[in-house]
PDB file of N, CA and C in Angstrom:
ATOM      1  N   UNK A   1       0.798  -1.212   0.013  1.00  0.00           N
ATOM      2  CA  UNK A   1      -0.009  -0.015   0.020  1.00  0.00           C
ATOM      3  C   UNK A   1       0.833   1.264  -0.006  1.00  0.00           C
ATOM      4  N   UNK A   2       1.997   1.261   0.517  1.00  0.00           N
ATOM      5  CA  UNK A   2       2.854   2.444   0.599  1.00  0.00           C
ATOM      6  C   UNK A   2       3.178   2.964  -0.772  1.00  0.00           C
ATOM      7  N   UNK A   3       3.457   2.101  -1.769  1.00  0.00           N
ATOM      8  CA  UNK A   3       3.721   2.578  -3.099  1.00  0.00           C
ATOM      9  C   UNK A   3       2.549   3.350  -3.672  1.00  0.00           C
ATOM     10  N   UNK A   4       1.376   2.838  -3.439  1.00  0.00           N
ATOM     11  CA  UNK A   4       0.141   3.433  -3.994  1.00  0.00           C
ATOM     12  C   UNK A   4      -0.059   4.811  -3.325  1.00  0.00           C
ATOM     13  N   UNK A   5       0.201   4.882  -2.010  1.00  0.00           N
ATOM     14  CA  UNK A   5       0.015   6.080  -1.308  1.00  0.00           C
ATOM     15  C   UNK A   5       1.035   7.147  -1.514  1.00  0.00           C
ATOM     16  N   UNK A   6       2.288   6.679  -1.796  1.00  0.00           N
ATOM     17  CA  UNK A   6       3.394   7.665  -1.952  1.00  0.00           C
ATOM     18  C   UNK A   6       3.305   8.384  -3.276  1.00  0.00           C
ATOM     19  N   UNK A   7       3.080   7.689  -4.323  1.00  0.00           N
ATOM     20  CA  UNK A   7       3.093   8.343  -5.637  1.00  0.00           C
ATOM     21  C   UNK A   7       1.887   7.739  -6.370  1.00  0.00           C
ATOM     22  N   UNK A   8       0.909   8.623  -6.591  1.00  0.00           N
ATOM     23  CA  UNK A   8      -0.294   8.173  -7.262  1.00  0.00           C
ATOM     24  C   UNK A   8      -0.150   8.346  -8.792  1.00  0.00           C
ATOM     25  N   UNK A   9      -1.006   7.781  -9.547  1.00  0.00           N
ATOM     26  CA  UNK A   9      -0.936   7.977 -10.980  1.00  0.00           C
ATOM     27  C   UNK A   9      -1.300   9.441 -11.340  1.00  0.00           C
ATOM     28  N   UNK A  10      -1.971  10.094 -10.436  1.00  0.00           N
ATOM     29  CA  UNK A  10      -2.294  11.489 -10.604  1.00  0.00           C
ATOM     30  C   UNK A  10      -1.100  12.398 -10.534  1.00  0.00           C
ATOM     31  N   UNK A  11      -0.010  11.898  -9.931  1.00  0.00           N
ATOM     32  CA  UNK A  11       1.212  12.674  -9.845  1.00  0.00           C
ATOM     33  C   UNK A  11       1.437  13.508  -8.628  1.00  0.00           C
ATOM     34  N   UNK A  12       0.549  13.325  -7.616  1.00  0.00           N
ATOM     35  CA  UNK A  12       0.834  14.069  -6.422  1.00  0.00           C
ATOM     36  C   UNK A  12       1.275  13.054  -5.340  1.00  0.00           C
ATOM     37  N   UNK A  13       1.895  13.531  -4.293  1.00  0.00           N
ATOM     38  CA  UNK A  13       2.443  12.735  -3.241  1.00  0.00           C
ATOM     39  C   UNK A  13       1.724  12.842  -1.972  1.00  0.00           C
ATOM     40  N   UNK A  14       1.299  11.769  -1.382  1.00  0.00           N
ATOM     41  CA  UNK A  14       0.724  11.799  -0.061  1.00  0.00           C
ATOM     42  C   UNK A  14       1.852  11.249   0.879  1.00  0.00           C
ATOM     43  N   UNK A  15       2.277  12.062   1.801  1.00  0.00           N
ATOM     44  CA  UNK A  15       3.300  11.618   2.675  1.00  0.00           C
ATOM     45  C   UNK A  15       2.988  10.222   3.264  1.00  0.00           C
ATOM     46  N   UNK A  16       3.945   9.299   3.206  1.00  0.00           N
ATOM     47  CA  UNK A  16       3.730   7.945   3.636  1.00  0.00           C
ATOM     48  C   UNK A  16       3.099   7.806   5.043  1.00  0.00           C
ATOM     49  N   UNK A  17       3.526   8.670   5.961  1.00  0.00           N
ATOM     50  CA  UNK A  17       3.009   8.521   7.338  1.00  0.00           C
ATOM     51  C   UNK A  17       1.529   8.882   7.422  1.00  0.00           C
ATOM     52  N   UNK A  18       0.986   9.610   6.440  1.00  0.00           N
ATOM     53  CA  UNK A  18      -0.429   9.938   6.382  1.00  0.00           C
ATOM     54  C   UNK A  18      -1.254   8.750   5.788  1.00  0.00           C
ATOM     55  N   UNK A  19      -0.574   7.947   5.071  1.00  0.00           N
ATOM     56  CA  UNK A  19      -1.326   6.814   4.394  1.00  0.00           C
ATOM     57  C   UNK A  19      -1.439   5.539   5.312  1.00  0.00           C
ATOM     58  N   UNK A  20      -0.714   5.584   6.449  1.00  0.00           N
ATOM     59  CA  UNK A  20      -0.691   4.434   7.382  1.00  0.00           C
ATOM     60  C   UNK A  20      -2.142   4.210   7.842  1.00  0.00           C
ATOM     61  N   UNK A  21      -2.707   2.974   7.622  1.00  0.00           N
ATOM     62  CA  UNK A  21      -3.954   2.600   8.103  1.00  0.00           C
ATOM     63  C   UNK A  21      -5.090   2.979   7.168  1.00  0.00           C
ATOM     64  N   UNK A  22      -4.802   3.731   6.042  1.00  0.00           N
ATOM     65  CA  UNK A  22      -5.896   4.073   5.121  1.00  0.00           C
ATOM     66  C   UNK A  22      -6.129   2.913   4.239  1.00  0.00           C
ATOM     67  N   UNK A  23      -7.403   2.676   3.929  1.00  0.00           N
ATOM     68  CA  UNK A  23      -7.747   1.615   2.998  1.00  0.00           C
ATOM     69  C   UNK A  23      -7.463   2.064   1.555  1.00  0.00           C
ATOM     70  N   UNK A  24      -7.255   1.137   0.652  1.00  0.00           N
ATOM     71  CA  UNK A  24      -7.103   1.450  -0.763  1.00  0.00           C
ATOM     72  C   UNK A  24      -8.185   2.335  -1.282  1.00  0.00           C
ATOM     73  N   UNK A  25      -9.421   2.120  -0.790  1.00  0.00           N
ATOM     74  CA  UNK A  25     -10.567   2.900  -1.211  1.00  0.00           C
ATOM     75  C   UNK A  25     -10.477   4.320  -0.784  1.00  0.00           C
ATOM     76  N   UNK A  26     -10.034   4.527   0.419  1.00  0.00           N
ATOM     77  CA  UNK A  26      -9.803   5.940   0.908  1.00  0.00           C
ATOM     78  C   UNK A  26      -8.680   6.597   0.117  1.00  0.00           C
ATOM     79  N   UNK A  27      -7.608   5.935  -0.155  1.00  0.00           N
ATOM     80  CA  UNK A  27      -6.511   6.480  -0.906  1.00  0.00           C
ATOM     81  C   UNK A  27      -7.006   6.827  -2.285  1.00  0.00           C
ATOM     82  N   UNK A  28      -7.773   5.865  -2.932  1.00  0.00           N
ATOM     83  CA  UNK A  28      -8.346   6.131  -4.225  1.00  0.00           C
ATOM     84  C   UNK A  28      -9.263   7.330  -4.201  1.00  0.00           C
ATOM     85  N   UNK A  29     -10.091   7.489  -3.171  1.00  0.00           N
ATOM     86  CA  UNK A  29     -10.948   8.620  -3.029  1.00  0.00           C
ATOM     87  C   UNK A  29     -10.299   9.986  -3.055  1.00  0.00           C
ATOM     88  N   UNK A  30      -9.197  10.052  -2.283  1.00  0.00           N
ATOM     89  CA  UNK A  30      -8.367  11.267  -2.253  1.00  0.00           C
ATOM     90  C   UNK A  30      -7.756  11.521  -3.678  1.00  0.00           C
ATOM     91  N   UNK A  31      -7.182  10.513  -4.250  1.00  0.00           N
ATOM     92  CA  UNK A  31      -6.545  10.623  -5.550  1.00  0.00           C
ATOM     93  C   UNK A  31      -7.588  11.062  -6.600  1.00  0.00           C
ATOM     94  N   UNK A  32      -8.771  10.461  -6.559  1.00  0.00           N
ATOM     95  CA  UNK A  32      -9.821  10.869  -7.502  1.00  0.00           C
ATOM     96  C   UNK A  32     -10.279  12.274  -7.242  1.00  0.00           C
ATOM     97  N   UNK A  33     -10.375  12.718  -6.014  1.00  0.00           N
ATOM     98  CA  UNK A  33     -10.707  14.115  -5.695  1.00  0.00           C
ATOM     99  C   UNK A  33      -9.655  15.029  -6.294  1.00  0.00           C
ATOM    100  N   UNK A  34      -8.398  14.613  -6.194  1.00  0.00           N
ATOM    101  CA  UNK A  34      -7.320  15.443  -6.751  1.00  0.00           C
ATOM    102  C   UNK A  34      -7.374  15.478  -8.311  1.00  0.00           C
ATOM    103  N   UNK A  35      -7.554  14.342  -8.921  1.00  0.00           N
ATOM    104  CA  UNK A  35      -7.639  14.282 -10.334  1.00  0.00           C
ATOM    105  C   UNK A  35      -8.791  15.159 -10.889  1.00  0.00           C
ATOM    106  N   UNK A  36      -9.920  15.106 -10.224  1.00  0.00           N
ATOM    107  CA  UNK A  36     -11.117  15.884 -10.595  1.00  0.00           C
ATOM    108  C   UNK A  36     -10.817  17.365 -10.401  1.00  0.00           C
ATOM    109  N   UNK A  37     -10.276  17.734  -9.232  1.00  0.00           N
ATOM    110  CA  UNK A  37      -9.909  19.115  -8.993  1.00  0.00           C
ATOM    111  C   UNK A  37      -8.960  19.643 -10.053  1.00  0.00           C
ATOM    112  N   UNK A  38      -7.944  18.914 -10.332  1.00  0.00           N
ATOM    113  CA  UNK A  38      -6.935  19.343 -11.314  1.00  0.00           C
ATOM    114  C   UNK A  38      -7.517  19.484 -12.676  1.00  0.00           C
ATOM    115  N   UNK A  39      -8.397  18.587 -13.096  1.00  0.00           N
ATOM    116  CA  UNK A  39      -9.042  18.637 -14.404  1.00  0.00           C
ATOM    117  C   UNK A  39      -9.950  19.886 -14.482  1.00  0.00           C
ATOM    118  N   UNK A  40     -10.764  20.085 -13.522  1.00  0.00           N
ATOM    119  CA  UNK A  40     -11.751  21.209 -13.553  1.00  0.00           C
ATOM    120  C   UNK A  40     -11.137  22.543 -13.421  1.00  0.00           C
ATOM    121  N   UNK A  41     -10.119  22.649 -12.537  1.00  0.00           N
ATOM    122  CA  UNK A  41      -9.478  23.973 -12.307  1.00  0.00           C
ATOM    123  C   UNK A  41      -8.276  24.256 -13.093  1.00  0.00           C
ATOM    124  N   UNK A  42      -7.951  23.437 -14.057  1.00  0.00           N
ATOM    125  CA  UNK A  42      -6.733  23.597 -14.866  1.00  0.00           C
ATOM    126  C   UNK A  42      -6.810  25.006 -15.541  1.00  0.00           C
ATOM    127  N   UNK A  43      -5.698  25.719 -15.443  1.00  0.00           N
ATOM    128  CA  UNK A  43      -5.599  27.018 -16.079  1.00  0.00           C
ATOM    129  C   UNK A  43      -6.125  28.133 -15.218  1.00  0.00           C
ATOM    130  N   UNK A  44      -6.709  27.843 -14.096  1.00  0.00           N
ATOM    131  CA  UNK A  44      -7.238  28.865 -13.229  1.00  0.00           C
ATOM    132  C   UNK A  44      -6.203  29.324 -12.274  1.00  0.00           C
ATOM    133  N   UNK A  45      -6.107  30.654 -11.893  1.00  0.00           N
ATOM    134  CA  UNK A  45      -5.161  31.144 -11.006  1.00  0.00           C
ATOM    135  C   UNK A  45      -5.596  30.837  -9.555  1.00  0.00           C
ATOM    136  N   UNK A  46      -5.360  29.654  -9.134  1.00  0.00           N
ATOM    137  CA  UNK A  46      -5.740  29.209  -7.762  1.00  0.00           C
ATOM    138  C   UNK A  46      -4.625  28.420  -7.074  1.00  0.00           C
ATOM    139  N   UNK A  47      -4.727  28.416  -5.812  1.00  0.00           N
ATOM    140  CA  UNK A  47      -3.910  27.536  -4.946  1.00  0.00           C
ATOM    141  C   UNK A  47      -4.932  26.573  -4.275  1.00  0.00           C
ATOM    142  N   UNK A  48      -4.499  25.312  -4.253  1.00  0.00           N
ATOM    143  CA  UNK A  48      -5.442  24.280  -3.748  1.00  0.00           C
ATOM    144  C   UNK A  48      -4.700  23.539  -2.660  1.00  0.00           C
ATOM    145  N   UNK A  49      -5.389  23.149  -1.590  1.00  0.00           N
ATOM    146  CA  UNK A  49      -4.842  22.333  -0.489  1.00  0.00           C
ATOM    147  C   UNK A  49      -5.783  21.193  -0.153  1.00  0.00           C
ATOM    148  N   UNK A  50      -5.226  20.128   0.237  1.00  0.00           N
ATOM    149  CA  UNK A  50      -5.932  19.051   1.029  1.00  0.00           C
ATOM    150  C   UNK A  50      -5.684  19.447   2.467  1.00  0.00           C
ATOM    151  N   UNK A  51      -6.799  19.504   3.266  1.00  0.00           N
ATOM    152  CA  UNK A  51      -6.620  19.841   4.655  1.00  0.00           C
ATOM    153  C   UNK A  51      -7.545  18.997   5.504  1.00  0.00           C
ATOM    154  N   UNK A  52      -7.569  19.254   6.730  1.00  0.00           N
ATOM    155  CA  UNK A  52      -8.437  18.436   7.652  1.00  0.00           C
ATOM    156  C   UNK A  52      -7.775  17.151   8.028  1.00  0.00           C
ATOM    157  N   UNK A  53      -8.663  16.096   8.269  1.00  0.00           N
ATOM    158  CA  UNK A  53      -8.225  14.875   8.827  1.00  0.00           C
ATOM    159  C   UNK A  53      -7.232  14.124   7.933  1.00  0.00           C
ATOM    160  N   UNK A  54      -7.464  14.244   6.550  1.00  0.00           N
ATOM    161  CA  UNK A  54      -6.484  13.539   5.717  1.00  0.00           C
ATOM    162  C   UNK A  54      -5.103  14.136   5.728  1.00  0.00           C
ATOM    163  N   UNK A  55      -5.059  15.489   5.817  1.00  0.00           N
ATOM    164  CA  UNK A  55      -3.692  16.135   5.936  1.00  0.00           C
ATOM    165  C   UNK A  55      -3.107  16.003   7.326  1.00  0.00           C
ATOM    166  N   UNK A  56      -3.916  15.809   8.312  1.00  0.00           N
ATOM    167  CA  UNK A  56      -3.470  15.681   9.735  1.00  0.00           C
ATOM    168  C   UNK A  56      -3.131  14.244  10.095  1.00  0.00           C
ATOM    169  N   UNK A  57      -3.576  13.334   9.284  1.00  0.00           N
ATOM    170  CA  UNK A  57      -3.320  11.922   9.642  1.00  0.00           C
ATOM    171  C   UNK A  57      -4.279  11.453  10.695  1.00  0.00           C
ATOM    172  N   UNK A  58      -5.465  12.029  10.772  1.00  0.00           N
ATOM    173  CA  UNK A  58      -6.464  11.627  11.781  1.00  0.00           C
ATOM    174  C   UNK A  58      -7.803  11.163  11.148  1.00  0.00           C
ATOM    175  N   UNK A  59      -7.697  10.466  10.042  1.00  0.00           N
ATOM    176  CA  UNK A  59      -8.852  10.015   9.354  1.00  0.00           C
ATOM    177  C   UNK A  59      -9.589   9.005  10.169  1.00  0.00           C
ATOM    178  N   UNK A  60     -10.900   9.192  10.219  1.00  0.00           N
ATOM    179  CA  UNK A  60     -11.845   8.196  10.890  1.00  0.00           C
ATOM    180  C   UNK A  60     -12.772   7.719   9.875  1.00  0.00           C
ATOM    181  N   UNK A  61     -13.636   6.745  10.287  1.00  0.00           N
ATOM    182  CA  UNK A  61     -14.566   6.277   9.304  1.00  0.00           C
ATOM    183  C   UNK A  61     -15.622   7.279   8.929  1.00  0.00           C
ATOM    184  N   UNK A  62     -15.744   8.356   9.615  1.00  0.00           N
ATOM    185  CA  UNK A  62     -16.696   9.447   9.306  1.00  0.00           C
ATOM    186  C   UNK A  62     -16.108  10.604   8.575  1.00  0.00           C
ATOM    187  N   UNK A  63     -14.752  10.533   8.302  1.00  0.00           N
ATOM    188  CA  UNK A  63     -14.042  11.645   7.686  1.00  0.00           C
ATOM    189  C   UNK A  63     -14.509  11.956   6.305  1.00  0.00           C
ATOM    190  N   UNK A  64     -14.632  13.287   6.024  1.00  0.00           N
ATOM    191  CA  UNK A  64     -14.882  13.687   4.654  1.00  0.00           C
ATOM    192  C   UNK A  64     -13.513  14.114   4.084  1.00  0.00           C
ATOM    193  N   UNK A  65     -13.490  14.463   2.793  1.00  0.00           N
ATOM    194  CA  UNK A  65     -12.225  14.940   2.165  1.00  0.00           C
ATOM    195  C   UNK A  65     -12.415  16.450   2.031  1.00  0.00           C
ATOM    196  N   UNK A  66     -11.481  17.188   2.662  1.00  0.00           N
ATOM    197  CA  UNK A  66     -11.585  18.676   2.754  1.00  0.00           C
ATOM    198  C   UNK A  66     -10.577  19.287   1.749  1.00  0.00           C
ATOM    199  N   UNK A  67     -11.102  20.125   0.843  1.00  0.00           N
ATOM    200  CA  UNK A  67     -10.272  20.799  -0.134  1.00  0.00           C
ATOM    201  C   UNK A  67     -10.445  22.307   0.009  1.00  0.00           C
ATOM    202  N   UNK A  68      -9.394  23.052   0.068  1.00  0.00           N
ATOM    203  CA  UNK A  68      -9.446  24.509   0.134  1.00  0.00           C
ATOM    204  C   UNK A  68      -8.931  25.065  -1.184  1.00  0.00           C
ATOM    205  N   UNK A  69      -9.707  26.045  -1.724  1.00  0.00           N
ATOM    206  CA  UNK A  69      -9.333  26.669  -2.929  1.00  0.00           C
ATOM    207  C   UNK A  69      -9.180  28.208  -2.713  1.00  0.00           C
ATOM    208  N   UNK A  70      -8.034  28.699  -3.013  1.00  0.00           N
ATOM    209  CA  UNK A  70      -7.779  30.180  -2.860  1.00  0.00           C
ATOM    210  C   UNK A  70      -7.526  30.805  -4.229  1.00  0.00           C
ATOM    211  N   UNK A  71      -8.326  31.834  -4.604  1.00  0.00           N
ATOM    212  CA  UNK A  71      -8.095  32.504  -5.868  1.00  0.00           C
ATOM    213  C   UNK A  71      -6.876  33.409  -5.738  1.00  0.00           C
ATOM    214  N   UNK A  72      -5.943  33.401  -6.629  1.00  0.00           N
ATOM    215  CA  UNK A  72      -4.784  34.259  -6.612  1.00  0.00           C
ATOM    216  C   UNK A  72      -4.769  35.221  -7.840  1.00  0.00           C
ATOM    217  N   UNK A  73      -5.929  35.278  -8.477  1.00  0.00           N
ATOM    218  CA  UNK A  73      -6.177  36.072  -9.649  1.00  0.00           C
ATOM    219  C   UNK A  73      -7.685  35.880  -9.981  1.00  0.00           C
ATOM    220  N   UNK A  74      -8.029  36.570 -11.142  1.00  0.00           N
ATOM    221  CA  UNK A  74      -9.456  36.427 -11.527  1.00  0.00           C
ATOM    222  C   UNK A  74      -9.798  34.989 -11.857  1.00  0.00           C
ATOM    223  N   UNK A  75     -10.818  34.479 -11.201  1.00  0.00           N
ATOM    224  CA  UNK A  75     -11.208  33.085 -11.361  1.00  0.00           C
ATOM    225  C   UNK A  75     -12.613  32.966 -11.995  1.00  0.00           C
ATOM    226  N   UNK A  76     -12.732  32.066 -12.927  1.00  0.00           N
ATOM    227  CA  UNK A  76     -14.061  31.847 -13.548  1.00  0.00           C
ATOM    228  C   UNK A  76     -14.877  31.142 -12.468  1.00  0.00           C
ATOM    229  N   UNK A  77     -15.853  31.948 -11.890  1.00  0.00           N
ATOM    230  CA  UNK A  77     -16.712  31.383 -10.788  1.00  0.00           C
ATOM    231  C   UNK A  77     -17.447  30.107 -11.195  1.00  0.00           C
ATOM    232  N   UNK A  78     -17.814  30.000 -12.501  1.00  0.00           N
ATOM    233  CA  UNK A  78     -18.469  28.777 -12.951  1.00  0.00           C
ATOM    234  C   UNK A  78     -17.587  27.563 -12.708  1.00  0.00           C
ATOM    235  N   UNK A  79     -16.282  27.695 -12.872  1.00  0.00           N
ATOM    236  CA  UNK A  79     -15.424  26.568 -12.627  1.00  0.00           C
ATOM    237  C   UNK A  79     -15.466  26.059 -11.254  1.00  0.00           C
ATOM    238  N   UNK A  80     -15.653  26.901 -10.269  1.00  0.00           N
ATOM    239  CA  UNK A  80     -15.784  26.450  -8.868  1.00  0.00           C
ATOM    240  C   UNK A  80     -17.012  25.676  -8.664  1.00  0.00           C
ATOM    241  N   UNK A  81     -18.116  26.160  -9.302  1.00  0.00           N
ATOM    242  CA  UNK A  81     -19.399  25.408  -9.176  1.00  0.00           C
ATOM    243  C   UNK A  81     -19.279  24.138  -9.967  1.00  0.00           C
ATOM    244  N   UNK A  82     -18.588  24.117 -11.102  1.00  0.00           N
ATOM    245  CA  UNK A  82     -18.303  22.880 -11.882  1.00  0.00           C
ATOM    246  C   UNK A  82     -17.621  21.838 -11.015  1.00  0.00           C
ATOM    247  N   UNK A  83     -16.572  22.337 -10.249  1.00  0.00           N
ATOM    248  CA  UNK A  83     -15.791  21.490  -9.367  1.00  0.00           C
ATOM    249  C   UNK A  83     -16.718  20.830  -8.302  1.00  0.00           C
ATOM    250  N   UNK A  84     -17.488  21.548  -7.665  1.00  0.00           N
ATOM    251  CA  UNK A  84     -18.416  20.995  -6.666  1.00  0.00           C
ATOM    252  C   UNK A  84     -19.366  19.984  -7.296  1.00  0.00           C
ATOM    253  N   UNK A  85     -19.900  20.300  -8.464  1.00  0.00           N
ATOM    254  CA  UNK A  85     -20.807  19.394  -9.164  1.00  0.00           C
ATOM    255  C   UNK A  85     -20.063  18.114  -9.580  1.00  0.00           C
ATOM    256  N   UNK A  86     -18.886  18.281 -10.156  1.00  0.00           N
ATOM    257  CA  UNK A  86     -18.139  17.146 -10.575  1.00  0.00           C
ATOM    258  C   UNK A  86     -17.761  16.179  -9.463  1.00  0.00           C
ATOM    259  N   UNK A  87     -17.431  16.745  -8.274  1.00  0.00           N
ATOM    260  CA  UNK A  87     -17.134  15.921  -7.110  1.00  0.00           C
ATOM    261  C   UNK A  87     -18.382  15.265  -6.616  1.00  0.00           C
ATOM    262  N   UNK A  88     -19.486  15.963  -6.604  1.00  0.00           N
ATOM    263  CA  UNK A  88     -20.747  15.336  -6.193  1.00  0.00           C
ATOM    264  C   UNK A  88     -21.167  14.175  -7.109  1.00  0.00           C
ATOM    265  N   UNK A  89     -20.917  14.369  -8.385  1.00  0.00           N
ATOM    266  CA  UNK A  89     -21.302  13.335  -9.414  1.00  0.00           C
ATOM    267  C   UNK A  89     -20.276  12.202  -9.534  1.00  0.00           C
ATOM    268  N   UNK A  90     -19.191  12.330  -8.868  1.00  0.00           N
ATOM    269  CA  UNK A  90     -18.039  11.300  -8.970  1.00  0.00           C
ATOM    270  C   UNK A  90     -18.442   9.972  -8.290  1.00  0.00           C
ATOM    271  N   UNK A  91     -17.621   9.060  -8.404  1.00  0.00           N
ATOM    272  CA  UNK A  91     -17.757   7.788  -7.732  1.00  0.00           C
ATOM    273  C   UNK A  91     -17.045   7.761  -6.381  1.00  0.00           C
ATOM    274  N   UNK A  92     -16.598   8.853  -5.915  1.00  0.00           N
ATOM    275  CA  UNK A  92     -15.885   8.916  -4.654  1.00  0.00           C
ATOM    276  C   UNK A  92     -16.949   8.566  -3.554  1.00  0.00           C
ATOM    277  N   UNK A  93     -16.633   7.560  -2.740  1.00  0.00           N
ATOM    278  CA  UNK A  93     -17.610   7.076  -1.742  1.00  0.00           C
ATOM    279  C   UNK A  93     -17.601   7.853  -0.473  1.00  0.00           C
ATOM    280  N   UNK A  94     -16.972   9.078  -0.455  1.00  0.00           N
ATOM    281  CA  UNK A  94     -16.981   9.919   0.733  1.00  0.00           C
ATOM    282  C   UNK A  94     -17.396  11.370   0.366  1.00  0.00           C
ATOM    283  N   UNK A  95     -17.964  12.091   1.231  1.00  0.00           N
ATOM    284  CA  UNK A  95     -18.279  13.455   1.020  1.00  0.00           C
ATOM    285  C   UNK A  95     -17.014  14.252   0.781  1.00  0.00           C
ATOM    286  N   UNK A  96     -17.027  15.147  -0.189  1.00  0.00           N
ATOM    287  CA  UNK A  96     -15.893  15.978  -0.433  1.00  0.00           C
ATOM    288  C   UNK A  96     -16.392  17.425  -0.234  1.00  0.00           C
ATOM    289  N   UNK A  97     -15.707  18.110   0.661  1.00  0.00           N
ATOM    290  CA  UNK A  97     -16.108  19.512   1.069  1.00  0.00           C
ATOM    291  C   UNK A  97     -15.090  20.453   0.433  1.00  0.00           C
ATOM    292  N   UNK A  98     -15.605  21.330  -0.419  1.00  0.00           N
ATOM    293  CA  UNK A  98     -14.778  22.387  -1.042  1.00  0.00           C
ATOM    294  C   UNK A  98     -15.021  23.683  -0.348  1.00  0.00           C
ATOM    295  N   UNK A  99     -13.919  24.303   0.144  1.00  0.00           N
ATOM    296  CA  UNK A  99     -13.991  25.548   0.892  1.00  0.00           C
ATOM    297  C   UNK A  99     -13.206  26.563   0.072  1.00  0.00           C
ATOM    298  N   UNK A 100     -13.873  27.726  -0.148  1.00  0.00           N
ATOM    299  CA  UNK A 100     -13.185  28.859  -0.777  1.00  0.00           C
ATOM    300  C   UNK A 100     -12.488  29.686   0.308  1.00  0.00           C
ATOM    301  N   UNK A 101     -11.199  29.947   0.093  1.00  0.00           N
ATOM    302  CA  UNK A 101     -10.478  30.747   1.068  1.00  0.00           C
ATOM    303  C   UNK A 101     -10.491  32.187   0.620  1.00  0.00           C
ATOM    304  N   UNK A 102     -11.096  33.084   1.390  1.00  0.00           N
ATOM    305  CA  UNK A 102     -11.099  34.526   0.979  1.00  0.00           C
ATOM    306  C   UNK A 102      -9.701  35.076   1.036  1.00  0.00           C
ATOM    307  N   UNK A 103      -9.422  35.886  -0.033  1.00  0.00           N
ATOM    308  CA  UNK A 103      -8.075  36.422  -0.127  1.00  0.00           C
ATOM    309  C   UNK A 103      -7.750  37.287   1.082  1.00  0.00           C
ATOM    310  N   UNK A 104      -8.704  37.873   1.748  1.00  0.00           N
ATOM    311  CA  UNK A 104      -8.404  38.683   2.917  1.00  0.00           C
ATOM    312  C   UNK A 104      -8.144  37.902   4.202  1.00  0.00           C
ATOM    313  N   UNK A 105      -8.380  36.546   4.186  1.00  0.00           N
ATOM    314  CA  UNK A 105      -8.234  35.733   5.362  1.00  0.00           C
ATOM    315  C   UNK A 105      -6.846  35.197   5.434  1.00  0.00           C
ATOM    316  N   UNK A 106      -5.876  36.043   5.890  1.00  0.00           N
ATOM    317  CA  UNK A 106      -4.471  35.636   5.942  1.00  0.00           C
ATOM    318  C   UNK A 106      -4.258  34.643   7.024  1.00  0.00           C
ATOM    319  N   UNK A 107      -5.027  34.632   8.087  1.00  0.00           N
ATOM    320  CA  UNK A 107      -4.860  33.620   9.178  1.00  0.00           C
ATOM    321  C   UNK A 107      -5.167  32.221   8.673  1.00  0.00           C
ATOM    322  N   UNK A 108      -6.270  32.145   7.928  1.00  0.00           N
ATOM    323  CA  UNK A 108      -6.713  30.833   7.395  1.00  0.00           C
ATOM    324  C   UNK A 108      -5.691  30.297   6.382  1.00  0.00           C
ATOM    325  N   UNK A 109      -5.159  31.222   5.489  1.00  0.00           N
ATOM    326  CA  UNK A 109      -4.204  30.786   4.575  1.00  0.00           C
ATOM    327  C   UNK A 109      -2.878  30.350   5.299  1.00  0.00           C
ATOM    328  N   UNK A 110      -2.515  31.085   6.291  1.00  0.00           N
ATOM    329  CA  UNK A 110      -1.298  30.666   7.067  1.00  0.00           C
ATOM    330  C   UNK A 110      -1.473  29.318   7.657  1.00  0.00           C
ATOM    331  N   UNK A 111      -2.651  29.064   8.176  1.00  0.00           N
ATOM    332  CA  UNK A 111      -2.931  27.672   8.726  1.00  0.00           C
ATOM    333  C   UNK A 111      -2.865  26.606   7.683  1.00  0.00           C
ATOM    334  N   UNK A 112      -3.397  26.874   6.469  1.00  0.00           N
ATOM    335  CA  UNK A 112      -3.380  25.956   5.352  1.00  0.00           C
ATOM    336  C   UNK A 112      -1.893  25.648   4.970  1.00  0.00           C
ATOM    337  N   UNK A 113      -1.153  26.730   4.890  1.00  0.00           N
ATOM    338  CA  UNK A 113       0.303  26.590   4.498  1.00  0.00           C
ATOM    339  C   UNK A 113       1.062  25.773   5.539  1.00  0.00           C
ATOM    340  N   UNK A 114       0.631  25.831   6.807  1.00  0.00           N
ATOM    341  CA  UNK A 114       1.292  25.152   7.873  1.00  0.00           C
ATOM    342  C   UNK A 114       0.879  23.662   7.925  1.00  0.00           C
ATOM    343  N   UNK A 115      -0.466  23.445   7.811  1.00  0.00           N
ATOM    344  CA  UNK A 115      -0.879  22.043   8.059  1.00  0.00           C
ATOM    345  C   UNK A 115      -1.522  21.339   6.854  1.00  0.00           C
ATOM    346  N   UNK A 116      -1.770  22.094   5.782  1.00  0.00           N
ATOM    347  CA  UNK A 116      -2.370  21.492   4.614  1.00  0.00           C
ATOM    348  C   UNK A 116      -1.355  20.868   3.682  1.00  0.00           C
ATOM    349  N   UNK A 117      -1.837  20.114   2.700  1.00  0.00           N
ATOM    350  CA  UNK A 117      -0.958  19.495   1.694  1.00  0.00           C
ATOM    351  C   UNK A 117      -1.316  20.224   0.404  1.00  0.00           C
ATOM    352  N   UNK A 118      -0.322  20.955  -0.211  1.00  0.00           N
ATOM    353  CA  UNK A 118      -0.606  21.669  -1.415  1.00  0.00           C
ATOM    354  C   UNK A 118      -0.856  20.714  -2.564  1.00  0.00           C
ATOM    355  N   UNK A 119      -1.846  21.040  -3.390  1.00  0.00           N
ATOM    356  CA  UNK A 119      -2.152  20.273  -4.592  1.00  0.00           C
ATOM    357  C   UNK A 119      -1.861  21.119  -5.812  1.00  0.00           C
ATOM    358  N   UNK A 120      -0.789  20.806  -6.545  1.00  0.00           N
ATOM    359  CA  UNK A 120      -0.489  21.591  -7.742  1.00  0.00           C
ATOM    360  C   UNK A 120      -1.524  21.367  -8.818  1.00  0.00           C
ATOM    361  N   UNK A 121      -2.031  22.416  -9.364  1.00  0.00           N
ATOM    362  CA  UNK A 121      -3.140  22.234 -10.420  1.00  0.00           C
ATOM    363  C   UNK A 121      -2.494  22.175 -11.775  1.00  0.00           C
ATOM    364  N   UNK A 122      -1.452  22.992 -12.132  1.00  0.00           N
ATOM    365  CA  UNK A 122      -0.865  23.016 -13.452  1.00  0.00           C
ATOM    366  C   UNK A 122       0.471  22.323 -13.452  1.00  0.00           C
TER     367      UNK A 122
END
């Protein structure tokens, strides 16, 4: 399982210590959320993070997948709606929560930079 968790076919890396105890289905769910996010937001001036229990290594059977999106330039608002819809329509067996980070919320961004896992989009 470590190989699957460390380098996904999507090309992002989940630190191995965070994959300990995660089922292949949970790992696939996070990877699918990343692939969907990357596909839908490609070309948009955004920063994206995985945060919450998956980033903290505290996943429980009730955990959702938390994604934060911060605009760093003019963003097509329809793309954010498309992302939420694509994640809802996906086969991911867990709830995926997409949170928009207001540009003015420097404390929230600082917390994401400290505890979140950045997801490169381009």
